[in-house]
């Protein structure tokens, strides 16, 4: 039972981690909109998510934690994200060589924020459902 619950939460944790990483990248692009020579970057969310989930199902890495009771759960080590970023191809290259398109960055930032919030709402509902089942 715990493996099923853990597997469900692992996927959403990975998704939330990717959303957070993408938010950092998009924020860096926006922050460097006026930096001469800055090249806007991003990554393909769906391909990175499938790559990470495939890697996690093949290679389950565990961390040895000291337990003082037989009732303790075993923790897992979620390795840090190694995301393949790519430069954004755009026709809007400024005179100073900067490739940040603020309209694109704002739209992608908003879409990513909504994806993050919807994942949190889904997790909240799943936890609420599990709690109602446990309470009976």
N, C-alpha and C. Protein backbone atom coordinates (compact mmCIF):
# COMPACT_ATOMS: atom_id res chain seq x y z
N UNK A 1 0.81 -1.19 0.00
CA UNK A 1 0.00 0.00 0.00
C UNK A 1 0.86 1.26 0.00
N UNK A 2 1.90 1.26 0.86
CA UNK A 2 2.75 2.45 0.92
C UNK A 2 3.51 2.64 -0.39
N UNK A 3 3.86 1.55 -1.08
CA UNK A 3 4.56 1.68 -2.36
C UNK A 3 3.68 2.36 -3.39
N UNK A 4 2.39 2.05 -3.40
CA UNK A 4 1.47 2.67 -4.35
C UNK A 4 1.33 4.16 -4.06
N UNK A 5 1.17 4.50 -2.81
CA UNK A 5 1.05 5.91 -2.42
C UNK A 5 2.36 6.64 -2.72
N UNK A 6 3.46 6.01 -2.39
CA UNK A 6 4.77 6.61 -2.64
C UNK A 6 4.99 6.84 -4.13
N UNK A 7 4.61 5.87 -4.95
CA UNK A 7 4.78 6.00 -6.40
C UNK A 7 3.96 7.18 -6.94
N UNK A 8 2.73 7.34 -6.44
CA UNK A 8 1.87 8.43 -6.87
C UNK A 8 2.49 9.77 -6.49
N UNK A 9 3.00 9.88 -5.27
CA UNK A 9 3.59 11.13 -4.83
C UNK A 9 4.93 11.40 -5.51
N UNK A 10 5.68 10.36 -5.83
CA UNK A 10 6.96 10.54 -6.53
C UNK A 10 6.78 11.24 -7.86
N UNK A 11 5.78 10.83 -8.61
CA UNK A 11 5.52 11.45 -9.92
C UNK A 11 5.21 12.93 -9.75
N UNK A 12 4.33 13.25 -8.82
CA UNK A 12 3.95 14.65 -8.62
C UNK A 12 5.09 15.47 -8.04
N UNK A 13 5.92 14.85 -7.21
CA UNK A 13 7.09 15.56 -6.68
C UNK A 13 8.04 15.89 -7.82
N UNK A 14 8.25 14.95 -8.72
CA UNK A 14 9.11 15.20 -9.88
C UNK A 14 8.54 16.31 -10.74
N UNK A 15 7.24 16.27 -10.97
CA UNK A 15 6.58 17.30 -11.76
C UNK A 15 6.72 18.68 -11.12
N UNK A 16 6.51 18.74 -9.81
CA UNK A 16 6.65 20.02 -9.10
C UNK A 16 8.09 20.52 -9.12
N UNK A 17 9.05 19.60 -8.97
CA UNK A 17 10.46 20.00 -9.03
C UNK A 17 10.81 20.56 -10.41
N UNK A 18 10.30 19.92 -11.46
CA UNK A 18 10.55 20.43 -12.81
C UNK A 18 9.91 21.80 -13.02
N UNK A 19 8.70 21.97 -12.52
CA UNK A 19 8.03 23.28 -12.63
C UNK A 19 8.83 24.35 -11.91
N UNK A 20 9.33 24.02 -10.73
CA UNK A 20 10.12 24.99 -9.96
C UNK A 20 11.41 25.34 -10.70
N UNK A 21 12.07 24.33 -11.28
CA UNK A 21 13.29 24.58 -12.03
C UNK A 21 13.01 25.44 -13.26
N UNK A 22 11.90 25.15 -13.94
CA UNK A 22 11.55 25.94 -15.13
C UNK A 22 11.22 27.37 -14.72
N UNK A 23 10.59 27.54 -13.57
CA UNK A 23 10.27 28.89 -13.09
C UNK A 23 11.56 29.68 -12.85
N UNK A 24 12.60 29.01 -12.30
CA UNK A 24 13.89 29.67 -12.09
C UNK A 24 14.50 30.10 -13.42
N UNK A 25 14.43 29.23 -14.40
CA UNK A 25 15.02 29.53 -15.72
C UNK A 25 14.28 30.69 -16.37
N UNK A 26 12.95 30.66 -16.32
CA UNK A 26 12.16 31.75 -16.92
C UNK A 26 12.39 33.06 -16.18
N UNK A 27 12.52 33.00 -14.86
CA UNK A 27 12.79 34.21 -14.08
C UNK A 27 14.17 34.78 -14.42
N UNK A 28 15.14 33.90 -14.65
CA UNK A 28 16.48 34.36 -15.04
C UNK A 28 16.43 35.02 -16.42
N UNK A 29 15.64 34.46 -17.32
CA UNK A 29 15.49 35.08 -18.64
C UNK A 29 14.89 36.48 -18.52
N UNK A 30 13.85 36.59 -17.70
CA UNK A 30 13.19 37.89 -17.52
C UNK A 30 14.15 38.88 -16.85
N UNK A 31 14.89 38.42 -15.86
CA UNK A 31 15.81 39.30 -15.14
C UNK A 31 16.94 39.79 -16.05
N UNK A 32 17.29 38.99 -17.06
CA UNK A 32 18.37 39.37 -17.97
C UNK A 32 17.88 39.94 -19.29
N UNK A 33 16.67 40.45 -19.31
CA UNK A 33 16.09 40.99 -20.54
C UNK A 33 16.90 42.16 -21.09
N UNK A 34 17.60 42.88 -20.24
CA UNK A 34 18.39 44.03 -20.69
C UNK A 34 19.88 43.77 -20.64
N UNK A 35 20.29 42.53 -20.40
CA UNK A 35 21.71 42.20 -20.34
C UNK A 35 22.25 41.99 -21.76
N UNK A 36 23.23 42.77 -22.16
CA UNK A 36 23.76 42.60 -23.52
C UNK A 36 24.35 41.20 -23.73
N UNK A 37 23.99 40.58 -24.85
CA UNK A 37 24.53 39.28 -25.21
C UNK A 37 23.89 38.09 -24.53
N UNK A 38 22.90 38.31 -23.64
CA UNK A 38 22.27 37.19 -22.95
C UNK A 38 21.40 36.40 -23.92
N UNK A 39 21.53 35.07 -23.87
CA UNK A 39 20.75 34.19 -24.73
C UNK A 39 19.68 33.51 -23.89
N UNK A 40 18.44 33.67 -24.26
CA UNK A 40 17.31 33.08 -23.55
C UNK A 40 17.35 31.56 -23.68
N UNK A 41 17.10 30.85 -22.55
CA UNK A 41 17.12 29.39 -22.55
C UNK A 41 15.81 28.85 -21.98
N UNK A 42 15.54 27.59 -22.25
CA UNK A 42 14.38 26.89 -21.71
C UNK A 42 14.63 25.40 -21.87
N UNK A 43 13.67 24.57 -21.49
CA UNK A 43 13.76 23.13 -21.72
C UNK A 43 12.38 22.58 -22.04
N UNK A 44 12.35 21.40 -22.64
CA UNK A 44 11.11 20.74 -23.00
C UNK A 44 10.61 19.99 -21.77
N UNK A 45 9.53 20.49 -21.18
CA UNK A 45 9.02 19.95 -19.92
C UNK A 45 8.61 18.49 -20.05
N UNK A 46 7.84 18.16 -21.07
CA UNK A 46 7.32 16.79 -21.18
C UNK A 46 8.43 15.77 -21.43
N UNK A 47 9.42 16.11 -22.26
CA UNK A 47 10.50 15.15 -22.50
C UNK A 47 11.38 14.98 -21.26
N UNK A 48 11.63 16.05 -20.52
CA UNK A 48 12.41 15.95 -19.29
C UNK A 48 11.67 15.15 -18.22
N UNK A 49 10.34 15.35 -18.13
CA UNK A 49 9.55 14.60 -17.16
C UNK A 49 9.56 13.12 -17.49
N UNK A 50 9.39 12.78 -18.75
CA UNK A 50 9.40 11.36 -19.12
C UNK A 50 10.78 10.75 -18.92
N UNK A 51 11.83 11.52 -19.20
CA UNK A 51 13.19 11.03 -19.00
C UNK A 51 13.46 10.75 -17.52
N UNK A 52 13.03 11.66 -16.64
CA UNK A 52 13.27 11.51 -15.21
C UNK A 52 12.43 10.37 -14.63
N UNK A 53 11.16 10.28 -15.03
CA UNK A 53 10.32 9.21 -14.50
C UNK A 53 10.80 7.84 -14.98
N UNK A 54 11.28 7.77 -16.22
CA UNK A 54 11.82 6.51 -16.73
C UNK A 54 13.08 6.13 -15.95
N UNK A 55 13.94 7.12 -15.68
CA UNK A 55 15.16 6.85 -14.92
C UNK A 55 14.83 6.43 -13.50
N UNK A 56 13.81 7.04 -12.90
CA UNK A 56 13.43 6.71 -11.52
C UNK A 56 12.84 5.31 -11.41
N UNK A 57 12.13 4.86 -12.44
CA UNK A 57 11.56 3.51 -12.37
C UNK A 57 12.64 2.46 -12.59
N UNK A 58 13.66 2.78 -13.39
CA UNK A 58 14.75 1.83 -13.64
C UNK A 58 15.71 1.79 -12.47
N UNK A 59 16.07 2.96 -11.95
CA UNK A 59 17.12 3.06 -10.93
C UNK A 59 16.55 3.64 -9.66
N UNK A 60 16.05 2.80 -8.78
CA UNK A 60 15.53 3.25 -7.49
C UNK A 60 16.70 3.35 -6.52
N UNK A 61 17.05 4.58 -6.15
CA UNK A 61 18.17 4.80 -5.24
C UNK A 61 17.64 5.02 -3.84
N UNK A 62 18.18 4.31 -2.89
CA UNK A 62 17.73 4.46 -1.51
C UNK A 62 18.83 5.08 -0.66
N UNK A 63 18.42 5.78 0.35
CA UNK A 63 19.34 6.37 1.32
C UNK A 63 19.22 5.56 2.59
N UNK A 64 20.35 5.21 3.16
CA UNK A 64 20.31 4.47 4.41
C UNK A 64 20.10 5.45 5.56
N UNK A 65 18.95 5.35 6.18
CA UNK A 65 18.64 6.22 7.31
C UNK A 65 18.69 5.41 8.59
N UNK A 66 19.14 6.04 9.64
CA UNK A 66 19.18 5.36 10.93
C UNK A 66 17.77 5.33 11.50
N UNK A 67 17.30 4.14 11.81
CA UNK A 67 15.97 4.00 12.37
C UNK A 67 16.10 3.55 13.82
N UNK A 68 15.26 4.13 14.64
CA UNK A 68 15.28 3.78 16.06
C UNK A 68 14.04 2.99 16.45
N UNK A 69 13.16 2.76 15.47
CA UNK A 69 11.94 2.01 15.72
C UNK A 69 11.61 1.19 14.48
N UNK A 70 10.97 0.06 14.69
CA UNK A 70 10.55 -0.76 13.56
C UNK A 70 9.42 -0.11 12.77
N UNK A 71 8.79 0.91 13.34
CA UNK A 71 7.67 1.59 12.68
C UNK A 71 8.12 2.71 11.75
N UNK A 72 9.41 3.03 11.70
CA UNK A 72 9.90 4.09 10.82
C UNK A 72 9.79 3.67 9.36
N UNK A 73 9.49 4.64 8.51
CA UNK A 73 9.42 4.39 7.07
C UNK A 73 10.82 4.56 6.48
N UNK A 74 11.07 3.92 5.37
CA UNK A 74 12.36 4.03 4.70
C UNK A 74 12.31 5.18 3.69
N UNK A 75 13.24 6.11 3.81
CA UNK A 75 13.30 7.25 2.91
C UNK A 75 14.02 6.94 1.63
N UNK A 76 13.79 7.78 0.63
CA UNK A 76 14.45 7.61 -0.66
C UNK A 76 15.20 8.89 -1.00
N UNK A 77 16.24 8.75 -1.78
CA UNK A 77 17.02 9.88 -2.23
C UNK A 77 16.56 10.25 -3.63
N UNK A 78 16.00 11.44 -3.76
CA UNK A 78 15.64 11.93 -5.09
C UNK A 78 16.82 12.74 -5.60
N UNK A 79 17.47 12.21 -6.60
CA UNK A 79 18.67 12.87 -7.10
C UNK A 79 18.34 14.24 -7.67
N UNK A 80 19.31 15.10 -7.67
CA UNK A 80 19.10 16.45 -8.17
C UNK A 80 18.81 16.41 -9.67
N UNK A 81 18.15 17.44 -10.13
CA UNK A 81 17.72 17.48 -11.52
C UNK A 81 18.86 17.91 -12.43
N UNK A 82 19.12 17.13 -13.44
CA UNK A 82 20.06 17.50 -14.49
C UNK A 82 19.26 17.69 -15.76
N UNK A 83 18.92 18.93 -16.04
CA UNK A 83 18.01 19.25 -17.13
C UNK A 83 18.81 19.78 -18.31
N UNK A 84 18.45 19.29 -19.47
CA UNK A 84 19.10 19.73 -20.70
C UNK A 84 18.39 20.99 -21.20
N UNK A 85 19.05 22.13 -21.03
CA UNK A 85 18.48 23.38 -21.49
C UNK A 85 18.92 23.65 -22.92
N UNK A 86 18.06 24.34 -23.64
CA UNK A 86 18.36 24.68 -25.03
C UNK A 86 18.10 26.17 -25.23
N UNK A 87 18.87 26.80 -26.12
CA UNK A 87 18.60 28.21 -26.39
C UNK A 87 17.28 28.37 -27.15
N UNK A 88 16.59 29.45 -26.88
CA UNK A 88 15.33 29.74 -27.56
C UNK A 88 15.63 30.37 -28.90
N UNK A 89 15.09 29.75 -29.94
CA UNK A 89 15.25 30.30 -31.29
C UNK A 89 14.20 31.38 -31.50
N UNK A 90 14.66 32.56 -31.83
CA UNK A 90 13.75 33.68 -32.02
C UNK A 90 14.24 34.57 -33.16
N UNK A 91 13.31 35.28 -33.76
CA UNK A 91 13.65 36.25 -34.80
C UNK A 91 13.89 37.63 -34.19
N UNK A 92 13.62 37.76 -32.89
CA UNK A 92 13.74 39.05 -32.21
C UNK A 92 15.06 39.15 -31.47
N UNK A 93 16.14 39.31 -32.20
CA UNK A 93 17.45 39.50 -31.58
C UNK A 93 17.71 41.00 -31.54
N UNK A 94 17.97 41.50 -30.34
CA UNK A 94 18.21 42.93 -30.16
C UNK A 94 19.58 43.30 -30.71
N UNK A 95 19.82 44.56 -30.86
CA UNK A 95 21.10 45.06 -31.38
C UNK A 95 22.26 44.62 -30.52
N UNK A 96 22.04 44.54 -29.20
CA UNK A 96 23.13 44.13 -28.29
C UNK A 96 23.31 42.62 -28.21
N UNK A 97 22.55 41.83 -29.00
CA UNK A 97 22.70 40.38 -29.03
C UNK A 97 21.81 39.63 -28.06
N UNK A 98 20.99 40.34 -27.30
CA UNK A 98 20.09 39.72 -26.35
C UNK A 98 18.91 39.09 -27.10
N UNK A 99 18.54 37.85 -26.70
CA UNK A 99 17.46 37.14 -27.39
C UNK A 99 16.20 36.96 -26.55
N UNK A 100 16.08 37.66 -25.43
CA UNK A 100 14.91 37.51 -24.56
C UNK A 100 13.72 38.23 -25.17
N UNK A 101 12.64 37.47 -25.39
CA UNK A 101 11.37 38.02 -25.86
C UNK A 101 10.46 38.08 -24.64
N UNK A 102 10.23 39.26 -24.11
CA UNK A 102 9.48 39.41 -22.86
C UNK A 102 8.05 38.89 -22.97
N UNK A 103 7.42 39.03 -24.13
CA UNK A 103 6.06 38.50 -24.28
C UNK A 103 6.06 36.99 -24.11
N UNK A 104 6.98 36.29 -24.76
CA UNK A 104 7.07 34.84 -24.64
C UNK A 104 7.37 34.43 -23.21
N UNK A 105 8.33 35.13 -22.57
CA UNK A 105 8.73 34.78 -21.21
C UNK A 105 7.58 34.96 -20.23
N UNK A 106 6.82 36.03 -20.37
CA UNK A 106 5.69 36.27 -19.47
C UNK A 106 4.61 35.20 -19.65
N UNK A 107 4.32 34.85 -20.89
CA UNK A 107 3.30 33.82 -21.16
C UNK A 107 3.75 32.48 -20.60
N UNK A 108 5.00 32.09 -20.86
CA UNK A 108 5.51 30.81 -20.36
C UNK A 108 5.58 30.80 -18.83
N UNK A 109 5.93 31.93 -18.23
CA UNK A 109 5.98 32.04 -16.77
C UNK A 109 4.59 31.81 -16.18
N UNK A 110 3.57 32.43 -16.79
CA UNK A 110 2.19 32.28 -16.32
C UNK A 110 1.70 30.85 -16.51
N UNK A 111 1.96 30.25 -17.68
CA UNK A 111 1.54 28.88 -17.94
C UNK A 111 2.21 27.91 -16.96
N UNK A 112 3.49 28.12 -16.70
CA UNK A 112 4.20 27.27 -15.75
C UNK A 112 3.66 27.43 -14.33
N UNK A 113 3.33 28.64 -13.95
CA UNK A 113 2.73 28.89 -12.62
C UNK A 113 1.40 28.17 -12.48
N UNK A 114 0.59 28.21 -13.53
CA UNK A 114 -0.70 27.52 -13.50
C UNK A 114 -0.52 26.01 -13.42
N UNK A 115 0.47 25.48 -14.13
CA UNK A 115 0.76 24.05 -14.08
C UNK A 115 1.18 23.65 -12.66
N UNK A 116 2.01 24.47 -12.04
CA UNK A 116 2.47 24.20 -10.68
C UNK A 116 1.29 24.20 -9.71
N UNK A 117 0.45 25.23 -9.81
CA UNK A 117 -0.70 25.35 -8.91
C UNK A 117 -1.69 24.21 -9.11
N UNK A 118 -1.91 23.78 -10.35
CA UNK A 118 -2.84 22.68 -10.59
C UNK A 118 -2.29 21.37 -10.03
N UNK A 119 -0.97 21.17 -10.13
CA UNK A 119 -0.37 19.96 -9.54
C UNK A 119 -0.52 19.98 -8.03
N UNK A 120 -0.34 21.13 -7.42
CA UNK A 120 -0.53 21.24 -5.96
C UNK A 120 -1.98 20.97 -5.57
N UNK A 121 -2.92 21.49 -6.35
CA UNK A 121 -4.33 21.26 -6.06
C UNK A 121 -4.68 19.78 -6.19
N UNK A 122 -4.14 19.12 -7.21
CA UNK A 122 -4.37 17.69 -7.39
C UNK A 122 -3.82 16.91 -6.21
N UNK A 123 -2.60 17.24 -5.80
CA UNK A 123 -2.00 16.56 -4.64
C UNK A 123 -2.81 16.78 -3.38
N UNK A 124 -3.28 18.00 -3.19
CA UNK A 124 -4.08 18.32 -2.02
C UNK A 124 -5.34 17.46 -1.99
N UNK A 125 -6.00 17.31 -3.13
CA UNK A 125 -7.20 16.48 -3.20
C UNK A 125 -6.88 15.01 -2.96
N UNK A 126 -5.76 14.54 -3.49
CA UNK A 126 -5.38 13.14 -3.27
C UNK A 126 -5.10 12.88 -1.79
N UNK A 127 -4.42 13.80 -1.14
CA UNK A 127 -4.14 13.66 0.29
C UNK A 127 -5.44 13.69 1.08
N UNK A 128 -6.35 14.58 0.68
CA UNK A 128 -7.65 14.67 1.35
C UNK A 128 -8.42 13.36 1.20
N UNK A 129 -8.37 12.76 0.01
CA UNK A 129 -9.05 11.48 -0.22
C UNK A 129 -8.44 10.37 0.62
N UNK A 130 -7.12 10.34 0.67
CA UNK A 130 -6.44 9.31 1.49
C UNK A 130 -6.79 9.48 2.96
N UNK A 131 -6.82 10.73 3.42
CA UNK A 131 -7.17 10.98 4.83
C UNK A 131 -8.60 10.57 5.14
N UNK A 132 -9.52 10.83 4.21
CA UNK A 132 -10.91 10.44 4.46
C UNK A 132 -11.07 8.93 4.49
N UNK A 133 -10.29 8.21 3.65
CA UNK A 133 -10.32 6.74 3.68
C UNK A 133 -9.75 6.22 4.99
N UNK A 134 -8.65 6.82 5.45
CA UNK A 134 -8.02 6.38 6.69
C UNK A 134 -8.90 6.65 7.91
N UNK A 135 -9.62 7.76 7.87
CA UNK A 135 -10.50 8.10 9.00
C UNK A 135 -11.74 7.22 9.02
N UNK A 136 -12.15 6.76 7.83
CA UNK A 136 -13.28 5.84 7.75
C UNK A 136 -14.57 6.49 7.62
